[in-house]
Amino acid sequence: MTEDPERASFRASLGIPDAAASCHTGVVDGYAIEGHVPPAAIQRLLADRPDAVGLALPGMPGDSPGMGGDEQTWRGQPVSLIDRDGSLSAFAY
């Protein structure tokens, strides 16, 4: 794990739009993961392998996994699929 003072430019280089920005950025098997994305969503992403940039959970929802909640209790905003054109669409998992 590293802190990057140029996180915004790093996110942009991965194809993550500002609307999807969150507190953490990672790359898993070629997909960008932005924010506290639940593990089940990442597992589905890797199983389905859509033609997309990755997944995002914008902002820092207080009850999301890693922020005090878990996948069973979390009822926050939906995880978004980051499309290649930078648009966001709902990602059911």
N, C-alpha and C. Protein backbone atom coordinates (compact mmCIF):
# COMPACT_ATOMS: atom_id res chain seq x y z
N MET A 1 0.85 -1.17 0.00
CA MET A 1 0.00 0.00 0.00
C MET A 1 0.90 1.23 0.00
N THR A 2 0.54 2.20 -0.80
CA THR A 2 1.28 3.45 -0.84
C THR A 2 0.32 4.62 -0.86
N GLU A 3 0.78 5.74 -0.34
CA GLU A 3 0.04 6.99 -0.45
C GLU A 3 0.55 7.70 -1.68
N ASP A 4 -0.34 8.21 -2.48
CA ASP A 4 0.05 8.88 -3.71
C ASP A 4 -0.50 10.31 -3.69
N PRO A 5 0.38 11.30 -3.63
CA PRO A 5 -0.11 12.69 -3.62
C PRO A 5 -0.81 13.06 -4.93
N GLU A 6 -0.63 12.25 -5.94
CA GLU A 6 -1.26 12.50 -7.24
C GLU A 6 -2.40 11.51 -7.49
N ARG A 7 -3.16 11.21 -6.44
CA ARG A 7 -4.23 10.21 -6.58
C ARG A 7 -5.23 10.54 -7.68
N ALA A 8 -5.57 11.79 -7.83
CA ALA A 8 -6.54 12.15 -8.87
C ALA A 8 -6.01 11.79 -10.24
N SER A 9 -4.75 12.07 -10.49
CA SER A 9 -4.19 11.72 -11.80
C SER A 9 -4.03 10.21 -11.94
N PHE A 10 -3.74 9.51 -10.83
CA PHE A 10 -3.66 8.05 -10.88
C PHE A 10 -5.02 7.47 -11.22
N ARG A 11 -6.08 7.96 -10.56
CA ARG A 11 -7.43 7.49 -10.87
C ARG A 11 -7.75 7.74 -12.34
N ALA A 12 -7.44 8.94 -12.81
CA ALA A 12 -7.72 9.27 -14.20
C ALA A 12 -6.96 8.35 -15.15
N SER A 13 -5.73 8.00 -14.81
CA SER A 13 -4.95 7.11 -15.68
C SER A 13 -5.55 5.72 -15.77
N LEU A 14 -6.32 5.33 -14.75
CA LEU A 14 -6.99 4.04 -14.76
C LEU A 14 -8.36 4.10 -15.44
N GLY A 15 -8.85 5.31 -15.72
CA GLY A 15 -10.15 5.47 -16.33
C GLY A 15 -11.28 5.67 -15.33
N ILE A 16 -10.92 6.00 -14.08
CA ILE A 16 -11.92 6.23 -13.04
C ILE A 16 -12.35 7.69 -13.09
N PRO A 17 -13.62 7.98 -13.36
CA PRO A 17 -14.07 9.37 -13.42
C PRO A 17 -14.15 9.99 -12.02
N ASP A 18 -14.10 11.31 -11.96
CA ASP A 18 -14.19 12.01 -10.67
C ASP A 18 -15.47 11.67 -9.92
N ALA A 19 -16.55 11.40 -10.64
CA ALA A 19 -17.82 11.08 -9.99
C ALA A 19 -17.74 9.78 -9.19
N ALA A 20 -16.74 8.95 -9.46
CA ALA A 20 -16.59 7.68 -8.75
C ALA A 20 -15.54 7.74 -7.66
N ALA A 21 -14.94 8.89 -7.45
CA ALA A 21 -13.83 9.02 -6.50
C ALA A 21 -14.22 8.60 -5.10
N SER A 22 -13.27 7.97 -4.44
CA SER A 22 -13.44 7.54 -3.07
C SER A 22 -12.11 7.62 -2.36
N CYS A 23 -11.99 6.91 -1.26
CA CYS A 23 -10.82 7.01 -0.38
C CYS A 23 -9.69 6.06 -0.73
N HIS A 24 -9.97 4.99 -1.45
CA HIS A 24 -8.95 3.99 -1.77
C HIS A 24 -9.06 3.65 -3.25
N THR A 25 -7.91 3.41 -3.87
CA THR A 25 -7.88 2.99 -5.27
C THR A 25 -6.96 1.79 -5.36
N GLY A 26 -7.42 0.76 -6.03
CA GLY A 26 -6.59 -0.42 -6.22
C GLY A 26 -6.82 -1.01 -7.59
N VAL A 27 -5.98 -1.97 -7.94
CA VAL A 27 -6.12 -2.69 -9.20
C VAL A 27 -6.07 -4.18 -8.86
N VAL A 28 -7.07 -4.92 -9.33
CA VAL A 28 -7.14 -6.36 -9.12
C VAL A 28 -7.32 -7.03 -10.47
N ASP A 29 -6.34 -7.80 -10.87
CA ASP A 29 -6.40 -8.56 -12.12
C ASP A 29 -6.81 -7.69 -13.30
N GLY A 30 -6.27 -6.48 -13.36
CA GLY A 30 -6.53 -5.59 -14.47
C GLY A 30 -7.73 -4.68 -14.32
N TYR A 31 -8.50 -4.84 -13.26
CA TYR A 31 -9.67 -4.00 -13.01
C TYR A 31 -9.38 -3.00 -11.90
N ALA A 32 -9.86 -1.77 -12.07
CA ALA A 32 -9.75 -0.75 -11.03
C ALA A 32 -10.85 -0.99 -10.00
N ILE A 33 -10.48 -0.85 -8.74
CA ILE A 33 -11.44 -0.95 -7.64
C ILE A 33 -11.31 0.33 -6.84
N GLU A 34 -12.38 1.10 -6.78
CA GLU A 34 -12.37 2.41 -6.13
C GLU A 34 -13.30 2.41 -4.93
N GLY A 35 -12.74 2.59 -3.74
CA GLY A 35 -13.54 2.69 -2.53
C GLY A 35 -13.75 1.35 -1.85
N HIS A 36 -14.72 1.34 -0.94
CA HIS A 36 -15.00 0.17 -0.11
C HIS A 36 -15.96 -0.78 -0.82
N VAL A 37 -15.55 -1.29 -1.95
CA VAL A 37 -16.37 -2.21 -2.73
C VAL A 37 -16.44 -3.55 -1.99
N PRO A 38 -17.64 -4.09 -1.77
CA PRO A 38 -17.77 -5.36 -1.08
C PRO A 38 -17.06 -6.50 -1.83
N PRO A 39 -16.45 -7.43 -1.10
CA PRO A 39 -15.74 -8.55 -1.74
C PRO A 39 -16.60 -9.35 -2.71
N ALA A 40 -17.88 -9.56 -2.41
CA ALA A 40 -18.73 -10.33 -3.32
C ALA A 40 -18.85 -9.66 -4.68
N ALA A 41 -18.87 -8.33 -4.71
CA ALA A 41 -18.94 -7.61 -5.98
C ALA A 41 -17.65 -7.81 -6.77
N ILE A 42 -16.52 -7.77 -6.09
CA ILE A 42 -15.23 -7.99 -6.77
C ILE A 42 -15.16 -9.42 -7.30
N GLN A 43 -15.62 -10.38 -6.51
CA GLN A 43 -15.62 -11.77 -6.96
C GLN A 43 -16.47 -11.94 -8.21
N ARG A 44 -17.63 -11.30 -8.25
CA ARG A 44 -18.49 -11.40 -9.44
C ARG A 44 -17.82 -10.73 -10.64
N LEU A 45 -17.21 -9.57 -10.41
CA LEU A 45 -16.50 -8.88 -11.49
C LEU A 45 -15.45 -9.81 -12.10
N LEU A 46 -14.66 -10.46 -11.26
CA LEU A 46 -13.60 -11.34 -11.75
C LEU A 46 -14.15 -12.59 -12.42
N ALA A 47 -15.29 -13.07 -11.97
CA ALA A 47 -15.91 -14.24 -12.59
C ALA A 47 -16.54 -13.90 -13.94
N ASP A 48 -17.23 -12.74 -14.01
CA ASP A 48 -17.94 -12.34 -15.23
C ASP A 48 -17.03 -11.69 -16.27
N ARG A 49 -15.97 -11.01 -15.80
CA ARG A 49 -15.00 -10.34 -16.64
C ARG A 49 -15.64 -9.44 -17.71
N PRO A 50 -16.48 -8.47 -17.30
CA PRO A 50 -17.08 -7.56 -18.28
C PRO A 50 -16.01 -6.64 -18.90
N ASP A 51 -16.31 -6.13 -20.07
CA ASP A 51 -15.43 -5.16 -20.72
C ASP A 51 -15.68 -3.81 -20.05
N ALA A 52 -14.97 -3.58 -18.95
CA ALA A 52 -15.19 -2.38 -18.14
C ALA A 52 -13.88 -1.99 -17.47
N VAL A 53 -13.85 -0.78 -16.94
CA VAL A 53 -12.69 -0.29 -16.20
C VAL A 53 -12.61 -0.99 -14.85
N GLY A 54 -13.75 -1.13 -14.16
CA GLY A 54 -13.76 -1.75 -12.85
C GLY A 54 -15.00 -1.39 -12.07
N LEU A 55 -14.88 -1.36 -10.74
CA LEU A 55 -15.99 -1.08 -9.85
C LEU A 55 -15.67 0.09 -8.94
N ALA A 56 -16.72 0.76 -8.50
CA ALA A 56 -16.55 1.88 -7.58
C ALA A 56 -17.69 1.93 -6.59
N LEU A 57 -17.36 2.33 -5.39
CA LEU A 57 -18.34 2.69 -4.37
C LEU A 57 -17.98 4.12 -3.98
N PRO A 58 -18.54 5.10 -4.70
CA PRO A 58 -18.16 6.50 -4.49
C PRO A 58 -18.37 6.98 -3.06
N GLY A 59 -17.54 7.93 -2.66
CA GLY A 59 -17.64 8.50 -1.33
C GLY A 59 -17.12 7.53 -0.28
N MET A 60 -17.53 7.73 0.95
CA MET A 60 -17.14 6.85 2.04
C MET A 60 -18.36 6.54 2.89
N PRO A 61 -19.31 5.72 2.37
CA PRO A 61 -20.51 5.41 3.15
C PRO A 61 -20.12 4.79 4.50
N GLY A 62 -20.63 5.35 5.59
CA GLY A 62 -20.25 4.94 6.93
C GLY A 62 -20.58 3.51 7.28
N ASP A 63 -21.57 2.93 6.60
CA ASP A 63 -21.94 1.55 6.94
C ASP A 63 -21.46 0.55 5.90
N SER A 64 -20.57 0.96 5.01
CA SER A 64 -20.06 0.05 4.00
C SER A 64 -19.01 -0.89 4.60
N PRO A 65 -18.72 -2.00 3.91
CA PRO A 65 -17.69 -2.91 4.41
C PRO A 65 -16.37 -2.16 4.63
N GLY A 66 -15.78 -2.35 5.78
CA GLY A 66 -14.54 -1.66 6.11
C GLY A 66 -14.76 -0.33 6.82
N MET A 67 -15.99 0.14 6.87
CA MET A 67 -16.30 1.41 7.54
C MET A 67 -17.27 1.20 8.69
N GLY A 68 -17.34 -0.01 9.20
CA GLY A 68 -18.21 -0.29 10.32
C GLY A 68 -19.36 -1.22 9.97
N GLY A 69 -19.62 -1.40 8.70
CA GLY A 69 -20.69 -2.31 8.28
C GLY A 69 -20.09 -3.57 7.68
N ASP A 70 -20.96 -4.42 7.20
CA ASP A 70 -20.50 -5.60 6.48
C ASP A 70 -21.50 -5.89 5.36
N GLU A 71 -21.23 -6.93 4.58
CA GLU A 71 -22.09 -7.19 3.42
C GLU A 71 -23.51 -7.57 3.81
N GLN A 72 -23.71 -8.11 5.01
CA GLN A 72 -25.05 -8.48 5.43
C GLN A 72 -25.86 -7.29 5.92
N THR A 73 -25.20 -6.30 6.53
CA THR A 73 -25.93 -5.17 7.09
C THR A 73 -25.90 -3.93 6.21
N TRP A 74 -25.00 -3.90 5.24
CA TRP A 74 -24.84 -2.70 4.44
C TRP A 74 -26.03 -2.50 3.50
N ARG A 75 -26.58 -1.33 3.55
CA ARG A 75 -27.72 -0.99 2.68
C ARG A 75 -27.48 0.35 2.02
N GLY A 76 -26.22 0.65 1.74
CA GLY A 76 -25.85 1.95 1.17
C GLY A 76 -26.12 2.03 -0.31
N GLN A 77 -25.47 2.96 -0.92
CA GLN A 77 -25.63 3.18 -2.35
C GLN A 77 -25.10 1.98 -3.12
N PRO A 78 -25.60 1.76 -4.32
CA PRO A 78 -25.16 0.59 -5.09
C PRO A 78 -23.72 0.73 -5.58
N VAL A 79 -23.10 -0.42 -5.74
CA VAL A 79 -21.79 -0.46 -6.36
C VAL A 79 -21.98 -0.12 -7.83
N SER A 80 -21.07 0.67 -8.38
CA SER A 80 -21.16 1.09 -9.78
C SER A 80 -20.12 0.38 -10.62
N LEU A 81 -20.51 -0.04 -11.81
CA LEU A 81 -19.59 -0.53 -12.82
C LEU A 81 -19.09 0.69 -13.57
N ILE A 82 -17.78 0.81 -13.70
CA ILE A 82 -17.20 1.93 -14.46
C ILE A 82 -17.02 1.45 -15.89
N ASP A 83 -17.82 2.00 -16.79
CA ASP A 83 -17.76 1.62 -18.19
C ASP A 83 -16.54 2.25 -18.86
N ARG A 84 -16.15 1.70 -19.98
CA ARG A 84 -14.95 2.17 -20.70
C ARG A 84 -15.05 3.64 -21.11
N ASP A 85 -16.28 4.15 -21.28
CA ASP A 85 -16.44 5.56 -21.66
C ASP A 85 -16.48 6.48 -20.45
N GLY A 86 -16.26 5.92 -19.24
CA GLY A 86 -16.25 6.71 -18.03
C GLY A 86 -17.60 6.87 -17.36
N SER A 87 -18.64 6.33 -17.98
CA SER A 87 -19.96 6.40 -17.36
C SER A 87 -20.07 5.33 -16.27
N LEU A 88 -21.03 5.53 -15.38
CA LEU A 88 -21.27 4.60 -14.29
C LEU A 88 -22.63 3.96 -14.47
N SER A 89 -22.70 2.66 -14.21
CA SER A 89 -23.98 1.95 -14.25
C SER A 89 -24.06 1.05 -13.03
N ALA A 90 -25.28 0.73 -12.60
CA ALA A 90 -25.46 -0.11 -11.43
C ALA A 90 -24.89 -1.50 -11.68
N PHE A 91 -24.25 -2.05 -10.65
CA PHE A 91 -23.67 -3.38 -10.72
C PHE A 91 -24.28 -4.23 -9.61
N ALA A 92 -25.22 -5.08 -9.99
CA ALA A 92 -25.84 -5.97 -9.01
C ALA A 92 -24.92 -7.15 -8.77
N TYR A 93 -24.82 -7.55 -7.53
CA TYR A 93 -23.95 -8.70 -7.20
C TYR A 93 -24.62 -9.61 -6.21
